[in-house]
């Protein structure tokens, strides 16, 4: 019976992920997009890549133009992860402290991925390899980490049983 309750909890939490994820796209998040654009440009400048800012949320790399959208900030995935992270056994204050640290770490990883991706793109790597594939890998690893953090999956091997197959 406990396993069924755990499955119901996971299903309930997952039901809240998509609405929260899509709700974030109802807002422009202009400050977050502007901040992300600034950090991408500054990060790539440190690597010697010359990005030209065209607007608060757009820039060019060579003759290619890019617009920083909500998904580039990873705010949609951060807010969508709230139901998977929240632990009813902890106080809201403790949870918000955890979420703040978690958000900073995720943003740092995401911005590093973006900066390195534009650096690679500027040095001749295709957009798919420089941006699309790392983005998918980043989101997949993030999702696996969320499941592991909640204890819903484990990376430790299970003990072998003496069960015989028929």
Protein backbone atom coordinates (compact mmCIF):
# COMPACT_ATOMS: atom_id res chain seq x y z
CA UNK A 1 0.00 0.00 0.00
CA UNK A 2 2.91 2.35 0.71
CA UNK A 3 4.19 1.99 -2.84
CA UNK A 4 0.80 3.02 -4.22
CA UNK A 5 0.80 6.12 -1.99
CA UNK A 6 4.29 7.01 -3.22
CA UNK A 7 3.18 6.54 -6.84
CA UNK A 8 0.16 8.76 -6.21
CA UNK A 9 2.37 11.44 -4.68
CA UNK A 10 4.72 11.38 -7.67
CA UNK A 11 1.80 11.51 -10.11
CA UNK A 12 0.20 14.41 -8.22
CA UNK A 13 3.44 16.36 -8.18
CA UNK A 14 4.03 15.71 -11.89
CA UNK A 15 0.53 17.03 -12.67
CA UNK A 16 1.60 20.45 -11.35
CA UNK A 17 4.83 20.62 -13.37
CA UNK A 18 3.38 21.34 -16.83
CA UNK A 19 0.89 24.06 -15.76
CA UNK A 20 3.61 25.90 -13.82
CA UNK A 21 6.05 25.47 -16.70
CA UNK A 22 3.59 26.92 -19.23
CA UNK A 23 2.41 29.64 -16.83
CA UNK A 24 5.91 31.12 -16.84
CA UNK A 25 5.56 31.66 -20.59
CA UNK A 26 2.55 33.93 -19.97
CA UNK A 27 4.99 36.59 -18.72
CA UNK A 28 7.79 38.34 -20.59
CA UNK A 29 10.42 38.08 -17.81
CA UNK A 30 12.18 41.04 -19.43
CA UNK A 31 14.51 41.65 -16.46
CA UNK A 32 15.63 38.01 -16.37
CA UNK A 33 16.06 37.95 -20.14
CA UNK A 34 18.02 41.22 -20.05
CA UNK A 35 20.21 39.89 -17.22
CA UNK A 36 20.80 36.62 -19.09
CA UNK A 37 21.73 38.51 -22.27
CA UNK A 38 24.17 40.71 -20.34
CA UNK A 39 25.83 37.74 -18.65
CA UNK A 40 26.14 35.81 -21.92
CA UNK A 41 27.80 38.80 -23.59
CA UNK A 42 30.13 39.43 -20.64
CA UNK A 43 30.97 35.74 -20.23
CA UNK A 44 31.80 35.36 -23.90
CA UNK A 45 33.87 38.56 -23.81
CA UNK A 46 36.05 36.88 -21.17
CA UNK A 47 36.59 34.01 -23.61
CA UNK A 48 37.43 36.40 -26.45
CA UNK A 49 34.17 35.97 -28.35
CA UNK A 50 32.79 39.24 -29.70
CA UNK A 51 29.02 39.38 -29.30
CA UNK A 52 27.25 42.59 -30.29
CA UNK A 53 24.23 43.63 -28.24
CA UNK A 54 21.33 44.67 -30.48
CA UNK A 55 18.63 45.21 -27.84
CA UNK A 56 18.12 44.43 -24.15
CA UNK A 57 17.41 40.80 -25.08
CA UNK A 58 19.18 40.21 -28.39
CA UNK A 59 22.69 40.10 -29.79
CA UNK A 60 24.62 38.95 -32.80
CA UNK A 61 27.49 36.54 -33.27
CA UNK A 62 29.04 37.28 -36.63
CA UNK A 63 26.14 37.49 -39.07
CA UNK A 64 23.80 35.42 -36.87
CA UNK A 65 21.17 37.11 -34.71
CA UNK A 66 19.88 35.69 -31.42
CA UNK A 67 16.95 36.58 -29.18
CA UNK A 68 17.08 35.53 -25.52
CA UNK A 69 13.65 34.07 -24.72
CA UNK A 70 12.14 32.77 -21.47
CA UNK A 71 13.52 29.27 -22.04
CA UNK A 72 17.08 30.68 -22.26
CA UNK A 73 16.77 31.90 -18.66
CA UNK A 74 15.66 28.43 -17.45
CA UNK A 75 13.02 30.17 -15.31
CA UNK A 76 10.35 27.95 -16.85
CA UNK A 77 12.15 24.80 -15.72
CA UNK A 78 13.00 26.30 -12.31
CA UNK A 79 9.38 27.15 -11.56
CA UNK A 80 8.20 23.89 -13.11
CA UNK A 81 10.49 22.02 -10.72
CA UNK A 82 8.84 23.51 -7.60
CA UNK A 83 6.33 20.66 -7.13
CA UNK A 84 9.12 18.10 -7.44
CA UNK A 85 11.29 19.87 -4.88
CA UNK A 86 8.85 20.89 -2.17
CA UNK A 87 9.05 18.77 0.97
CA UNK A 88 6.07 19.14 3.32
CA UNK A 89 8.26 18.08 6.26
CA UNK A 90 10.35 21.27 6.08
CA UNK A 91 9.33 24.82 6.91
CA UNK A 92 8.58 27.25 4.09
CA UNK A 93 11.48 29.44 5.19
CA UNK A 94 13.91 26.52 4.97
CA UNK A 95 12.46 25.52 1.59
CA UNK A 96 12.81 29.05 0.19
CA UNK A 97 16.42 29.15 1.40
CA UNK A 98 17.06 25.84 -0.35
CA UNK A 99 15.27 27.05 -3.49
CA UNK A 100 17.37 30.23 -3.58
CA UNK A 101 20.65 28.27 -3.44
CA UNK A 102 19.28 25.71 -5.92
CA UNK A 103 18.26 28.52 -8.32
CA UNK A 104 21.68 30.17 -8.15
CA UNK A 105 23.42 26.86 -8.91
CA UNK A 106 21.05 26.06 -11.80
CA UNK A 107 21.47 29.57 -13.24
CA UNK A 108 25.26 29.32 -13.02
CA UNK A 109 25.24 25.97 -14.85
CA UNK A 110 22.77 27.24 -17.45
CA UNK A 111 24.72 30.46 -18.09
CA UNK A 112 27.97 28.49 -18.36
CA UNK A 113 26.32 26.23 -20.91
CA UNK A 114 25.08 29.22 -22.92
CA UNK A 115 28.42 31.07 -22.80
CA UNK A 116 30.37 27.98 -23.86
CA UNK A 117 27.79 27.23 -26.54
CA UNK A 118 28.10 30.67 -28.13
CA UNK A 119 31.89 30.44 -27.85
CA UNK A 120 31.79 27.10 -29.68
CA UNK A 121 29.32 28.43 -32.27
CA UNK A 122 31.55 31.44 -32.94
CA UNK A 123 34.45 29.04 -33.50
CA UNK A 124 32.65 27.04 -36.19
CA UNK A 125 30.75 24.37 -34.24
CA UNK A 126 27.24 23.81 -35.63
CA UNK A 127 24.30 25.27 -33.70
CA UNK A 128 22.90 21.81 -33.03
CA UNK A 129 26.13 20.63 -31.37
CA UNK A 130 26.95 23.95 -29.67
CA UNK A 131 23.48 24.64 -28.28
CA UNK A 132 20.66 22.16 -28.94
CA UNK A 133 22.34 18.96 -27.77
CA UNK A 134 23.89 20.51 -24.62
CA UNK A 135 20.49 22.03 -23.81
CA UNK A 136 18.79 18.64 -23.99
CA UNK A 137 21.55 16.99 -21.95
CA UNK A 138 21.35 19.78 -19.33
CA UNK A 139 17.58 19.37 -18.95
CA UNK A 140 17.78 15.56 -18.86
CA UNK A 141 20.49 15.55 -16.17
CA UNK A 142 18.52 18.17 -14.22
CA UNK A 143 15.39 16.00 -14.33
CA UNK A 144 17.31 12.89 -13.23
CA UNK A 145 18.83 14.92 -10.37
CA UNK A 146 15.34 16.04 -9.30
CA UNK A 147 14.11 12.44 -9.20
CA UNK A 148 17.21 11.39 -7.26
CA UNK A 149 16.94 14.35 -4.85
CA UNK A 150 13.39 13.31 -3.95
CA UNK A 151 14.50 9.71 -3.48
CA UNK A 152 12.37 8.46 -6.35
CA UNK A 153 15.36 6.91 -8.10
CA UNK A 154 18.69 5.74 -6.76
CA UNK A 155 22.12 5.48 -8.32
CA UNK A 156 23.26 2.76 -5.93
CA UNK A 157 23.03 -0.83 -7.16
CA UNK A 158 20.34 -2.98 -5.64
CA UNK A 159 21.26 -6.08 -3.69
CA UNK A 160 21.15 -9.27 -5.72
CA UNK A 161 18.54 -11.81 -4.74
CA UNK A 162 18.68 -15.57 -4.97
CA UNK A 163 15.56 -15.64 -7.10
CA UNK A 164 15.60 -18.37 -9.72
CA UNK A 165 14.12 -17.79 -13.13
CA UNK A 166 11.80 -20.36 -14.59
